[in-house]
Amino acid sequence: MLEKGLELICSGVSEMYDSDIVDINFSGGYAVGPAMSRFVKRGILSLCSELKSESVALVDVLAPPDFILNSALGHSDGQVYKNLQLHMYQSPGVMSRPSWWKEMSGLHRSRL
């Protein structure tokens, strides 16, 4: 049973790769009109939806480095909150005031 499941997953990944190669070639002018490219792209999206439930297992099997995944939550070191904080601090403008802060600063005064 497990071998059948692995066979289906590997077959799906292979079909997706092959479809992507075919799409690149058809987009390069080997077919006339955009119909074939749209057909292949729909097939790729269909394969993606079929393999979506296996995506975590596929990433674990392939084991790409963390920088390739570029995910704050998907680092292999297990420090989710530290990595999330680092990603937030690296975003542009995260430590500056928003553009609308002056509009809000005069609305509520402290009564103390």
PDB file of N, CA and C in Angstrom:
ATOM      1  N   MET A   1       0.833  -1.200   0.000  1.00  0.00           N
ATOM      2  CA  MET A   1       0.000   0.000   0.000  1.00  0.00           C
ATOM      3  C   MET A   1       0.870   1.254   0.000  1.00  0.00           C
ATOM      4  N   LEU A   2       1.917   1.253   0.823  1.00  0.00           N
ATOM      5  CA  LEU A   2       2.807   2.404   0.887  1.00  0.00           C
ATOM      6  C   LEU A   2       3.517   2.603  -0.450  1.00  0.00           C
ATOM      7  N   GLU A   3       3.929   1.503  -1.085  1.00  0.00           N
ATOM      8  CA  GLU A   3       4.618   1.605  -2.366  1.00  0.00           C
ATOM      9  C   GLU A   3       3.709   2.190  -3.439  1.00  0.00           C
ATOM     10  N   LYS A   4       2.433   1.861  -3.401  1.00  0.00           N
ATOM     11  CA  LYS A   4       1.473   2.408  -4.366  1.00  0.00           C
ATOM     12  C   LYS A   4       1.332   3.921  -4.177  1.00  0.00           C
ATOM     13  N   GLY A   5       1.281   4.361  -2.912  1.00  0.00           N
ATOM     14  CA  GLY A   5       1.196   5.789  -2.629  1.00  0.00           C
ATOM     15  C   GLY A   5       2.439   6.535  -3.105  1.00  0.00           C
ATOM     16  N   LEU A   6       3.612   5.934  -2.855  1.00  0.00           N
ATOM     17  CA  LEU A   6       4.855   6.557  -3.310  1.00  0.00           C
ATOM     18  C   LEU A   6       4.912   6.611  -4.830  1.00  0.00           C
ATOM     19  N   GLU A   7       4.420   5.565  -5.459  1.00  0.00           N
ATOM     20  CA  GLU A   7       4.408   5.532  -6.918  1.00  0.00           C
ATOM     21  C   GLU A   7       3.526   6.647  -7.477  1.00  0.00           C
ATOM     22  N   LEU A   8       2.375   6.884  -6.857  1.00  0.00           N
ATOM     23  CA  LEU A   8       1.476   7.947  -7.306  1.00  0.00           C
ATOM     24  C   LEU A   8       2.103   9.325  -7.119  1.00  0.00           C
ATOM     25  N   ILE A   9       2.754   9.524  -5.985  1.00  0.00           N
ATOM     26  CA  ILE A   9       3.386  10.821  -5.717  1.00  0.00           C
ATOM     27  C   ILE A   9       4.532  11.067  -6.694  1.00  0.00           C
ATOM     28  N   CYS A  10       5.392  10.061  -6.864  1.00  0.00           N
ATOM     29  CA  CYS A  10       6.524  10.217  -7.787  1.00  0.00           C
ATOM     30  C   CYS A  10       6.035  10.418  -9.216  1.00  0.00           C
ATOM     31  N   SER A  11       4.991   9.719  -9.585  1.00  0.00           N
ATOM     32  CA  SER A  11       4.414   9.876 -10.913  1.00  0.00           C
ATOM     33  C   SER A  11       3.875  11.297 -11.097  1.00  0.00           C
ATOM     34  N   GLY A  12       3.200  11.823 -10.074  1.00  0.00           N
ATOM     35  CA  GLY A  12       2.663  13.184 -10.148  1.00  0.00           C
ATOM     36  C   GLY A  12       3.749  14.228 -10.266  1.00  0.00           C
ATOM     37  N   VAL A  13       4.827  14.073  -9.503  1.00  0.00           N
ATOM     38  CA  VAL A  13       5.938  15.027  -9.570  1.00  0.00           C
ATOM     39  C   VAL A  13       6.594  14.961 -10.948  1.00  0.00           C
ATOM     40  N   SER A  14       6.763  13.750 -11.467  1.00  0.00           N
ATOM     41  CA  SER A  14       7.352  13.581 -12.794  1.00  0.00           C
ATOM     42  C   SER A  14       6.466  14.203 -13.874  1.00  0.00           C
ATOM     43  N   GLU A  15       5.161  13.993 -13.777  1.00  0.00           N
ATOM     44  CA  GLU A  15       4.244  14.585 -14.755  1.00  0.00           C
ATOM     45  C   GLU A  15       4.288  16.111 -14.701  1.00  0.00           C
ATOM     46  N   MET A  16       4.400  16.658 -13.478  1.00  0.00           N
ATOM     47  CA  MET A  16       4.440  18.115 -13.351  1.00  0.00           C
ATOM     48  C   MET A  16       5.719  18.669 -13.990  1.00  0.00           C
ATOM     49  N   TYR A  17       6.840  18.009 -13.748  1.00  0.00           N
ATOM     50  CA  TYR A  17       8.105  18.448 -14.344  1.00  0.00           C
ATOM     51  C   TYR A  17       8.039  18.351 -15.867  1.00  0.00           C
ATOM     52  N   ASP A  18       7.557  17.228 -16.357  1.00  0.00           N
ATOM     53  CA  ASP A  18       7.443  17.053 -17.806  1.00  0.00           C
ATOM     54  C   ASP A  18       6.512  18.085 -18.417  1.00  0.00           C
ATOM     55  N   SER A  19       5.405  18.361 -17.749  1.00  0.00           N
ATOM     56  CA  SER A  19       4.448  19.345 -18.261  1.00  0.00           C
ATOM     57  C   SER A  19       5.065  20.735 -18.308  1.00  0.00           C
ATOM     58  N   ASP A  20       5.884  21.050 -17.318  1.00  0.00           N
ATOM     59  CA  ASP A  20       6.540  22.349 -17.303  1.00  0.00           C
ATOM     60  C   ASP A  20       7.512  22.470 -18.480  1.00  0.00           C
ATOM     61  N   ILE A  21       8.251  21.406 -18.754  1.00  0.00           N
ATOM     62  CA  ILE A  21       9.178  21.406 -19.889  1.00  0.00           C
ATOM     63  C   ILE A  21       8.401  21.557 -21.200  1.00  0.00           C
ATOM     64  N   VAL A  22       7.290  20.839 -21.315  1.00  0.00           N
ATOM     65  CA  VAL A  22       6.458  20.940 -22.514  1.00  0.00           C
ATOM     66  C   VAL A  22       5.912  22.353 -22.664  1.00  0.00           C
ATOM     67  N   ASP A  23       5.487  22.949 -21.569  1.00  0.00           N
ATOM     68  CA  ASP A  23       4.953  24.311 -21.617  1.00  0.00           C
ATOM     69  C   ASP A  23       6.017  25.295 -22.086  1.00  0.00           C
ATOM     70  N   ILE A  24       7.222  25.138 -21.597  1.00  0.00           N
ATOM     71  CA  ILE A  24       8.315  26.027 -22.015  1.00  0.00           C
ATOM     72  C   ILE A  24       8.560  25.888 -23.518  1.00  0.00           C
ATOM     73  N   ASN A  25       8.551  24.647 -24.014  1.00  0.00           N
ATOM     74  CA  ASN A  25       8.799  24.432 -25.431  1.00  0.00           C
ATOM     75  C   ASN A  25       7.655  24.961 -26.299  1.00  0.00           C
ATOM     76  N   PHE A  26       6.409  24.759 -25.859  1.00  0.00           N
ATOM     77  CA  PHE A  26       5.287  25.256 -26.642  1.00  0.00           C
ATOM     78  C   PHE A  26       5.243  26.775 -26.613  1.00  0.00           C
ATOM     79  N   SER A  27       5.619  27.376 -25.489  1.00  0.00           N
ATOM     80  CA  SER A  27       5.644  28.830 -25.421  1.00  0.00           C
ATOM     81  C   SER A  27       6.732  29.402 -26.318  1.00  0.00           C
ATOM     82  N   GLY A  28       7.733  28.591 -26.619  1.00  0.00           N
ATOM     83  CA  GLY A  28       8.838  29.037 -27.463  1.00  0.00           C
ATOM     84  C   GLY A  28       8.515  29.039 -28.938  1.00  0.00           C
ATOM     85  N   GLY A  29       7.305  28.632 -29.325  1.00  0.00           N
ATOM     86  CA  GLY A  29       6.913  28.728 -30.721  1.00  0.00           C
ATOM     87  C   GLY A  29       6.737  27.404 -31.421  1.00  0.00           C
ATOM     88  N   TYR A  30       6.799  26.285 -30.710  1.00  0.00           N
ATOM     89  CA  TYR A  30       6.625  24.988 -31.349  1.00  0.00           C
ATOM     90  C   TYR A  30       5.164  24.693 -31.656  1.00  0.00           C
ATOM     91  N   ALA A  31       4.256  25.416 -31.076  1.00  0.00           N
ATOM     92  CA  ALA A  31       2.834  25.267 -31.366  1.00  0.00           C
ATOM     93  C   ALA A  31       2.290  26.628 -31.775  1.00  0.00           C
ATOM     94  N   VAL A  32       1.286  26.597 -32.614  1.00  0.00           N
ATOM     95  CA  VAL A  32       0.705  27.849 -33.098  1.00  0.00           C
ATOM     96  C   VAL A  32      -0.464  28.214 -32.188  1.00  0.00           C
ATOM     97  N   GLY A  33      -0.443  29.428 -31.654  1.00  0.00           N
ATOM     98  CA  GLY A  33      -1.520  29.904 -30.798  1.00  0.00           C
ATOM     99  C   GLY A  33      -1.300  29.544 -29.344  1.00  0.00           C
ATOM    100  N   PRO A  34      -2.015  30.233 -28.459  1.00  0.00           N
ATOM    101  CA  PRO A  34      -1.828  30.036 -27.023  1.00  0.00           C
ATOM    102  C   PRO A  34      -2.643  28.884 -26.425  1.00  0.00           C
ATOM    103  N   ALA A  35      -3.453  28.195 -27.228  1.00  0.00           N
ATOM    104  CA  ALA A  35      -4.353  27.177 -26.685  1.00  0.00           C
ATOM    105  C   ALA A  35      -3.593  26.033 -26.022  1.00  0.00           C
ATOM    106  N   MET A  36      -2.521  25.560 -26.649  1.00  0.00           N
ATOM    107  CA  MET A  36      -1.768  24.439 -26.089  1.00  0.00           C
ATOM    108  C   MET A  36      -1.103  24.828 -24.772  1.00  0.00           C
ATOM    109  N   SER A  37      -0.565  26.029 -24.727  1.00  0.00           N
ATOM    110  CA  SER A  37       0.076  26.489 -23.494  1.00  0.00           C
ATOM    111  C   SER A  37      -0.941  26.586 -22.357  1.00  0.00           C
ATOM    112  N   ARG A  38      -2.124  27.101 -22.646  1.00  0.00           N
ATOM    113  CA  ARG A  38      -3.169  27.181 -21.618  1.00  0.00           C
ATOM    114  C   ARG A  38      -3.573  25.789 -21.150  1.00  0.00           C
ATOM    115  N   PHE A  39      -3.683  24.853 -22.085  1.00  0.00           N
ATOM    116  CA  PHE A  39      -4.051  23.481 -21.751  1.00  0.00           C
ATOM    117  C   PHE A  39      -3.021  22.848 -20.812  1.00  0.00           C
ATOM    118  N   VAL A  40      -1.750  23.031 -21.136  1.00  0.00           N
ATOM    119  CA  VAL A  40      -0.681  22.461 -20.305  1.00  0.00           C
ATOM    120  C   VAL A  40      -0.658  23.134 -18.934  1.00  0.00           C
ATOM    121  N   LYS A  41      -0.839  24.448 -18.884  1.00  0.00           N
ATOM    122  CA  LYS A  41      -0.839  25.160 -17.599  1.00  0.00           C
ATOM    123  C   LYS A  41      -2.001  24.704 -16.715  1.00  0.00           C
ATOM    124  N   ARG A  42      -3.159  24.452 -17.326  1.00  0.00           N
ATOM    125  CA  ARG A  42      -4.288  23.918 -16.542  1.00  0.00           C
ATOM    126  C   ARG A  42      -3.944  22.551 -15.978  1.00  0.00           C
ATOM    127  N   GLY A  43      -3.239  21.740 -16.759  1.00  0.00           N
ATOM    128  CA  GLY A  43      -2.809  20.430 -16.279  1.00  0.00           C
ATOM    129  C   GLY A  43      -1.843  20.530 -15.121  1.00  0.00           C
ATOM    130  N   ILE A  44      -0.927  21.488 -15.198  1.00  0.00           N
ATOM    131  CA  ILE A  44       0.037  21.702 -14.114  1.00  0.00           C
ATOM    132  C   ILE A  44      -0.693  22.121 -12.840  1.00  0.00           C
ATOM    133  N   LEU A  45      -1.657  23.042 -12.966  1.00  0.00           N
ATOM    134  CA  LEU A  45      -2.423  23.471 -11.793  1.00  0.00           C
ATOM    135  C   LEU A  45      -3.225  22.310 -11.198  1.00  0.00           C
ATOM    136  N   SER A  46      -3.745  21.449 -12.054  1.00  0.00           N
ATOM    137  CA  SER A  46      -4.477  20.278 -11.574  1.00  0.00           C
ATOM    138  C   SER A  46      -3.551  19.339 -10.802  1.00  0.00           C
ATOM    139  N   LEU A  47      -2.344  19.127 -11.336  1.00  0.00           N
ATOM    140  CA  LEU A  47      -1.367  18.288 -10.626  1.00  0.00           C
ATOM    141  C   LEU A  47      -0.964  18.915  -9.296  1.00  0.00           C
ATOM    142  N   CYS A  48      -0.822  20.239  -9.269  1.00  0.00           N
ATOM    143  CA  CYS A  48      -0.474  20.922  -8.018  1.00  0.00           C
ATOM    144  C   CYS A  48      -1.543  20.695  -6.961  1.00  0.00           C
ATOM    145  N   SER A  49      -2.806  20.768  -7.359  1.00  0.00           N
ATOM    146  CA  SER A  49      -3.872  20.556  -6.378  1.00  0.00           C
ATOM    147  C   SER A  49      -3.903  19.110  -5.893  1.00  0.00           C
ATOM    148  N   GLU A  50      -3.531  18.172  -6.752  1.00  0.00           N
ATOM    149  CA  GLU A  50      -3.478  16.772  -6.337  1.00  0.00           C
ATOM    150  C   GLU A  50      -2.324  16.519  -5.371  1.00  0.00           C
ATOM    151  N   LEU A  51      -1.201  17.197  -5.580  1.00  0.00           N
ATOM    152  CA  LEU A  51      -0.010  16.971  -4.753  1.00  0.00           C
ATOM    153  C   LEU A  51       0.055  17.885  -3.535  1.00  0.00           C
ATOM    154  N   LYS A  52      -0.911  18.787  -3.395  1.00  0.00           N
ATOM    155  CA  LYS A  52      -0.877  19.759  -2.305  1.00  0.00           C
ATOM    156  C   LYS A  52      -0.823  19.089  -0.929  1.00  0.00           C
ATOM    157  N   SER A  53      -1.563  18.031  -0.747  1.00  0.00           N
ATOM    158  CA  SER A  53      -1.589  17.376   0.563  1.00  0.00           C
ATOM    159  C   SER A  53      -0.269  16.674   0.885  1.00  0.00           C
ATOM    160  N   GLU A  54       0.542  16.445  -0.124  1.00  0.00           N
ATOM    161  CA  GLU A  54       1.832  15.771   0.078  1.00  0.00           C
ATOM    162  C   GLU A  54       3.004  16.750   0.059  1.00  0.00           C
ATOM    163  N   SER A  55       2.729  18.055   0.055  1.00  0.00           N
ATOM    164  CA  SER A  55       3.796  19.035  -0.135  1.00  0.00           C
ATOM    165  C   SER A  55       4.828  19.023   0.992  1.00  0.00           C
ATOM    166  N   VAL A  56       4.383  18.876   2.223  1.00  0.00           N
ATOM    167  CA  VAL A  56       5.335  18.864   3.344  1.00  0.00           C
ATOM    168  C   VAL A  56       6.237  17.641   3.255  1.00  0.00           C
ATOM    169  N   ALA A  57       5.660  16.501   2.923  1.00  0.00           N
ATOM    170  CA  ALA A  57       6.460  15.284   2.781  1.00  0.00           C
ATOM    171  C   ALA A  57       7.455  15.416   1.631  1.00  0.00           C
ATOM    172  N   LEU A  58       7.036  16.034   0.538  1.00  0.00           N
ATOM    173  CA  LEU A  58       7.941  16.220  -0.592  1.00  0.00           C
ATOM    174  C   LEU A  58       9.108  17.137  -0.235  1.00  0.00           C
ATOM    175  N   VAL A  59       8.831  18.194   0.509  1.00  0.00           N
ATOM    176  CA  VAL A  59       9.913  19.096   0.939  1.00  0.00           C
ATOM    177  C   VAL A  59      10.852  18.371   1.887  1.00  0.00           C
ATOM    178  N   ASP A  60      10.304  17.551   2.782  1.00  0.00           N
ATOM    179  CA  ASP A  60      11.157  16.795   3.701  1.00  0.00           C
ATOM    180  C   ASP A  60      12.036  15.796   2.964  1.00  0.00           C
ATOM    181  N   VAL A  61      11.503  15.185   1.917  1.00  0.00           N
ATOM    182  CA  VAL A  61      12.273  14.207   1.152  1.00  0.00           C
ATOM    183  C   VAL A  61      13.370  14.888   0.353  1.00  0.00           C
ATOM    184  N   LEU A  62      13.028  15.988  -0.291  1.00  0.00           N
ATOM    185  CA  LEU A  62      14.019  16.692  -1.108  1.00  0.00           C
ATOM    186  C   LEU A  62      15.036  17.434  -0.249  1.00  0.00           C
ATOM    187  N   ALA A  63      14.603  17.886   0.931  1.00  0.00           N
ATOM    188  CA  ALA A  63      15.443  18.573   1.912  1.00  0.00           C
ATOM    189  C   ALA A  63      16.267  19.711   1.317  1.00  0.00           C
ATOM    190  N   PRO A  64      15.590  20.691   0.680  1.00  0.00           N
ATOM    191  CA  PRO A  64      16.352  21.834   0.185  1.00  0.00           C
ATOM    192  C   PRO A  64      16.840  22.691   1.350  1.00  0.00           C
ATOM    193  N   PRO A  65      17.917  23.443   1.157  1.00  0.00           N
ATOM    194  CA  PRO A  65      18.397  24.329   2.227  1.00  0.00           C
ATOM    195  C   PRO A  65      17.346  25.382   2.572  1.00  0.00           C
ATOM    196  N   ASP A  66      17.436  25.902   3.779  1.00  0.00           N
ATOM    197  CA  ASP A  66      16.450  26.871   4.266  1.00  0.00           C
ATOM    198  C   ASP A  66      16.344  28.104   3.382  1.00  0.00           C
ATOM    199  N   PHE A  67      17.471  28.583   2.850  1.00  0.00           N
ATOM    200  CA  PHE A  67      17.414  29.811   2.063  1.00  0.00           C
ATOM    201  C   PHE A  67      16.669  29.606   0.742  1.00  0.00           C
ATOM    202  N   ILE A  68      16.583  28.380   0.253  1.00  0.00           N
ATOM    203  CA  ILE A  68      15.834  28.122  -0.980  1.00  0.00           C
ATOM    204  C   ILE A  68      14.341  28.159  -0.697  1.00  0.00           C
ATOM    205  N   LEU A  69      13.917  27.615   0.438  1.00  0.00           N
ATOM    206  CA  LEU A  69      12.505  27.657   0.800  1.00  0.00           C
ATOM    207  C   LEU A  69      12.048  29.073   1.103  1.00  0.00           C
ATOM    208  N   ASN A  70      12.940  29.885   1.675  1.00  0.00           N
ATOM    209  CA  ASN A  70      12.646  31.281   2.030  1.00  0.00           C
ATOM    210  C   ASN A  70      11.363  31.389   2.858  1.00  0.00           C
ATOM    211  N   SER A  71      11.269  30.573   3.866  1.00  0.00           N
ATOM    212  CA  SER A  71      10.090  30.558   4.722  1.00  0.00           C
ATOM    213  C   SER A  71      10.499  30.857   6.153  1.00  0.00           C
ATOM    214  N   ALA A  72       9.793  31.789   6.776  1.00  0.00           N
ATOM    215  CA  ALA A  72      10.093  32.108   8.176  1.00  0.00           C
ATOM    216  C   ALA A  72       9.708  30.952   9.087  1.00  0.00           C
ATOM    217  N   LEU A  73       8.692  30.209   8.714  1.00  0.00           N
ATOM    218  CA  LEU A  73       8.210  29.121   9.565  1.00  0.00           C
ATOM    219  C   LEU A  73       8.848  27.782   9.233  1.00  0.00           C
ATOM    220  N   GLY A  74       9.485  27.658   8.079  1.00  0.00           N
ATOM    221  CA  GLY A  74       9.962  26.363   7.633  1.00  0.00           C
ATOM    222  C   GLY A  74      11.434  26.100   7.848  1.00  0.00           C
ATOM    223  N   HIS A  75      12.081  26.813   8.745  1.00  0.00           N
ATOM    224  CA  HIS A  75      13.504  26.567   8.988  1.00  0.00           C
ATOM    225  C   HIS A  75      13.703  25.241   9.702  1.00  0.00           C
ATOM    226  N   SER A  76      14.832  24.620   9.424  1.00  0.00           N
ATOM    227  CA  SER A  76      15.105  23.305  10.008  1.00  0.00           C
ATOM    228  C   SER A  76      15.638  23.378  11.432  1.00  0.00           C
ATOM    229  N   ASP A  77      15.929  24.575  11.938  1.00  0.00           N
ATOM    230  CA  ASP A  77      16.486  24.676  13.288  1.00  0.00           C
ATOM    231  C   ASP A  77      15.419  24.611  14.384  1.00  0.00           C
ATOM    232  N   GLY A  78      14.136  24.701  14.018  1.00  0.00           N
ATOM    233  CA  GLY A  78      13.057  24.582  14.993  1.00  0.00           C
ATOM    234  C   GLY A  78      12.757  25.846  15.785  1.00  0.00           C
ATOM    235  N   GLN A  79      13.423  26.936  15.501  1.00  0.00           N
ATOM    236  CA  GLN A  79      13.212  28.185  16.240  1.00  0.00           C
ATOM    237  C   GLN A  79      12.249  29.076  15.454  1.00  0.00           C
ATOM    238  N   VAL A  80      10.967  28.724  15.528  1.00  0.00           N
ATOM    239  CA  VAL A  80       9.944  29.386  14.728  1.00  0.00           C
ATOM    240  C   VAL A  80       9.832  30.866  15.072  1.00  0.00           C
ATOM    241  N   TYR A  81       9.697  31.199  16.344  1.00  0.00           N
ATOM    242  CA  TYR A  81       9.462  32.588  16.745  1.00  0.00           C
ATOM    243  C   TYR A  81      10.673  33.474  16.481  1.00  0.00           C
ATOM    244  N   LYS A  82      11.859  32.951  16.716  1.00  0.00           N
ATOM    245  CA  LYS A  82      13.069  33.722  16.449  1.00  0.00           C
ATOM    246  C   LYS A  82      13.193  34.019  14.953  1.00  0.00           C
ATOM    247  N   ASN A  83      12.938  33.016  14.118  1.00  0.00           N
ATOM    248  CA  ASN A  83      13.018  33.216  12.665  1.00  0.00           C
ATOM    249  C   ASN A  83      11.931  34.149  12.160  1.00  0.00           C
ATOM    250  N   LEU A  84      10.739  34.050  12.732  1.00  0.00           N
ATOM    251  CA  LEU A  84       9.650  34.947  12.348  1.00  0.00           C
ATOM    252  C   LEU A  84      10.006  36.393  12.698  1.00  0.00           C
ATOM    253  N   GLN A  85      10.587  36.585  13.881  1.00  0.00           N
ATOM    254  CA  GLN A  85      11.002  37.923  14.302  1.00  0.00           C
ATOM    255  C   GLN A  85      12.099  38.464  13.385  1.00  0.00           C
ATOM    256  N   LEU A  86      13.061  37.634  13.021  1.00  0.00           N
ATOM    257  CA  LEU A  86      14.125  38.081  12.122  1.00  0.00           C
ATOM    258  C   LEU A  86      13.566  38.486  10.759  1.00  0.00           C
ATOM    259  N   HIS A  87      12.628  37.720  10.236  1.00  0.00           N
ATOM    260  CA  HIS A  87      12.021  38.062   8.948  1.00  0.00           C
ATOM    261  C   HIS A  87      11.238  39.367   9.046  1.00  0.00           C
ATOM    262  N   MET A  88      10.538  39.569  10.162  1.00  0.00           N
ATOM    263  CA  MET A  88       9.783  40.811  10.322  1.00  0.00           C
ATOM    264  C   MET A  88      10.718  42.005  10.392  1.00  0.00           C
ATOM    265  N   TYR A  89      11.807  41.885  11.129  1.00  0.00           N
ATOM    266  CA  TYR A  89      12.728  43.002  11.282  1.00  0.00           C
ATOM    267  C   TYR A  89      13.464  43.328   9.985  1.00  0.00           C
ATOM    268  N   GLN A  90      13.552  42.376   9.072  1.00  0.00           N
ATOM    269  CA  GLN A  90      14.243  42.614   7.808  1.00  0.00           C
ATOM    270  C   GLN A  90      13.339  43.259   6.765  1.00  0.00           C
ATOM    271  N   SER A  91      12.052  43.343   7.028  1.00  0.00           N
ATOM    272  CA  SER A  91      11.133  43.968   6.077  1.00  0.00           C
ATOM    273  C   SER A  91      11.377  45.471   6.043  1.00  0.00           C
ATOM    274  N   PRO A  92      11.289  46.070   4.862  1.00  0.00           N
ATOM    275  CA  PRO A  92      11.548  47.513   4.767  1.00  0.00           C
ATOM    276  C   PRO A  92      10.461  48.329   5.472  1.00  0.00           C
ATOM    277  N   GLY A  93      10.892  49.313   6.231  1.00  0.00           N
ATOM    278  CA  GLY A  93       9.974  50.234   6.888  1.00  0.00           C
ATOM    279  C   GLY A  93       9.316  49.709   8.143  1.00  0.00           C
ATOM    280  N   VAL A  94       9.740  48.555   8.646  1.00  0.00           N
ATOM    281  CA  VAL A  94       9.063  47.969   9.796  1.00  0.00           C
ATOM    282  C   VAL A  94       9.367  48.725  11.093  1.00  0.00           C
ATOM    283  N   MET A  95      10.483  49.429  11.168  1.00  0.00           N
ATOM    284  CA  MET A  95      10.855  50.151  12.379  1.00  0.00           C
ATOM    285  C   MET A  95      10.531  51.644  12.308  1.00  0.00           C
ATOM    286  N   SER A  96       9.921  52.074  11.232  1.00  0.00           N
ATOM    287  CA  SER A  96       9.580  53.494  11.114  1.00  0.00           C
ATOM    288  C   SER A  96       8.081  53.684  11.346  1.00  0.00           C
ATOM    289  N   ARG A  97       7.722  54.924  11.600  1.00  0.00           N
ATOM    290  CA  ARG A  97       6.310  55.239  11.819  1.00  0.00           C
ATOM    291  C   ARG A  97       5.550  55.138  10.509  1.00  0.00           C
ATOM    292  N   PRO A  98       4.290  54.750  10.581  1.00  0.00           N
ATOM    293  CA  PRO A  98       3.497  54.713   9.341  1.00  0.00           C
ATOM    294  C   PRO A  98       3.222  56.127   8.840  1.00  0.00           C
ATOM    295  N   SER A  99       2.859  56.217   7.581  1.00  0.00           N
ATOM    296  CA  SER A  99       2.628  57.534   6.969  1.00  0.00           C
ATOM    297  C   SER A  99       1.445  58.266   7.600  1.00  0.00           C
ATOM    298  N   TRP A 100       0.525  57.560   8.213  1.00  0.00           N
ATOM    299  CA  TRP A 100      -0.687  58.166   8.762  1.00  0.00           C
ATOM    300  C   TRP A 100      -0.600  58.439  10.263  1.00  0.00           C
ATOM    301  N   TRP A 101       0.567  58.342  10.867  1.00  0.00           N
ATOM    302  CA  TRP A 101       0.663  58.469  12.323  1.00  0.00           C
ATOM    303  C   TRP A 101       0.284  59.860  12.816  1.00  0.00           C
ATOM    304  N   LYS A 102       0.570  60.925  12.056  1.00  0.00           N
ATOM    305  CA  LYS A 102       0.226  62.281  12.501  1.00  0.00           C
ATOM    306  C   LYS A 102      -1.280  62.482  12.564  1.00  0.00           C
ATOM    307  N   GLU A 103      -2.000  61.852  11.663  1.00  0.00           N
ATOM    308  CA  GLU A 103      -3.458  61.968  11.662  1.00  0.00           C
ATOM    309  C   GLU A 103      -4.068  61.372  12.928  1.00  0.00           C
ATOM    310  N   MET A 104      -3.461  60.332  13.444  1.00  0.00           N
ATOM    311  CA  MET A 104      -4.008  59.646  14.612  1.00  0.00           C
ATOM    312  C   MET A 104      -3.469  60.192  15.932  1.00  0.00           C
ATOM    313  N   SER A 105      -2.328  60.890  15.890  1.00  0.00           N
ATOM    314  CA  SER A 105      -1.703  61.309  17.153  1.00  0.00           C
ATOM    315  C   SER A 105      -2.467  62.390  17.886  1.00  0.00           C
ATOM    316  N   GLY A 106      -3.214  63.216  17.196  1.00  0.00           N
ATOM    317  CA  GLY A 106      -3.919  64.307  17.863  1.00  0.00           C
ATOM    318  C   GLY A 106      -5.335  63.950  18.273  1.00  0.00           C
ATOM    319  N   LEU A 107      -5.830  62.788  17.945  1.00  0.00           N
ATOM    320  CA  LEU A 107      -7.231  62.439  18.224  1.00  0.00           C
ATOM    321  C   LEU A 107      -7.497  62.111  19.690  1.00  0.00           C
ATOM    322  N   HIS A 108      -6.593  61.412  20.318  1.00  0.00           N
ATOM    323  CA  HIS A 108      -6.815  60.956  21.692  1.00  0.00           C
ATOM    324  C   HIS A 108      -5.708  61.479  22.593  1.00  0.00           C
ATOM    325  N   ARG A 109      -6.071  62.301  23.530  1.00  0.00           N
ATOM    326  CA  ARG A 109      -5.109  62.831  24.489  1.00  0.00           C
ATOM    327  C   ARG A 109      -5.293  62.124  25.811  1.00  0.00           C
ATOM    328  N   SER A 110      -4.237  61.955  26.520  1.00  0.00           N
ATOM    329  CA  SER A 110      -4.297  61.326  27.833  1.00  0.00           C
ATOM    330  C   SER A 110      -4.959  62.267  28.834  1.00  0.00           C
ATOM    331  N   ARG A 111      -5.747  61.742  29.717  1.00  0.00           N
ATOM    332  CA  ARG A 111      -6.437  62.564  30.723  1.00  0.00           C
ATOM    333  C   ARG A 111      -5.755  62.447  32.089  1.00  0.00           C
ATOM    334  N   LEU A 112      -4.570  61.955  32.102  1.00  0.00           N
ATOM    335  CA  LEU A 112      -3.863  61.796  33.364  1.00  0.00           C
ATOM    336  C   LEU A 112      -3.164  63.053  33.776  1.00  0.00           C
TER     337      LEU A 112
END
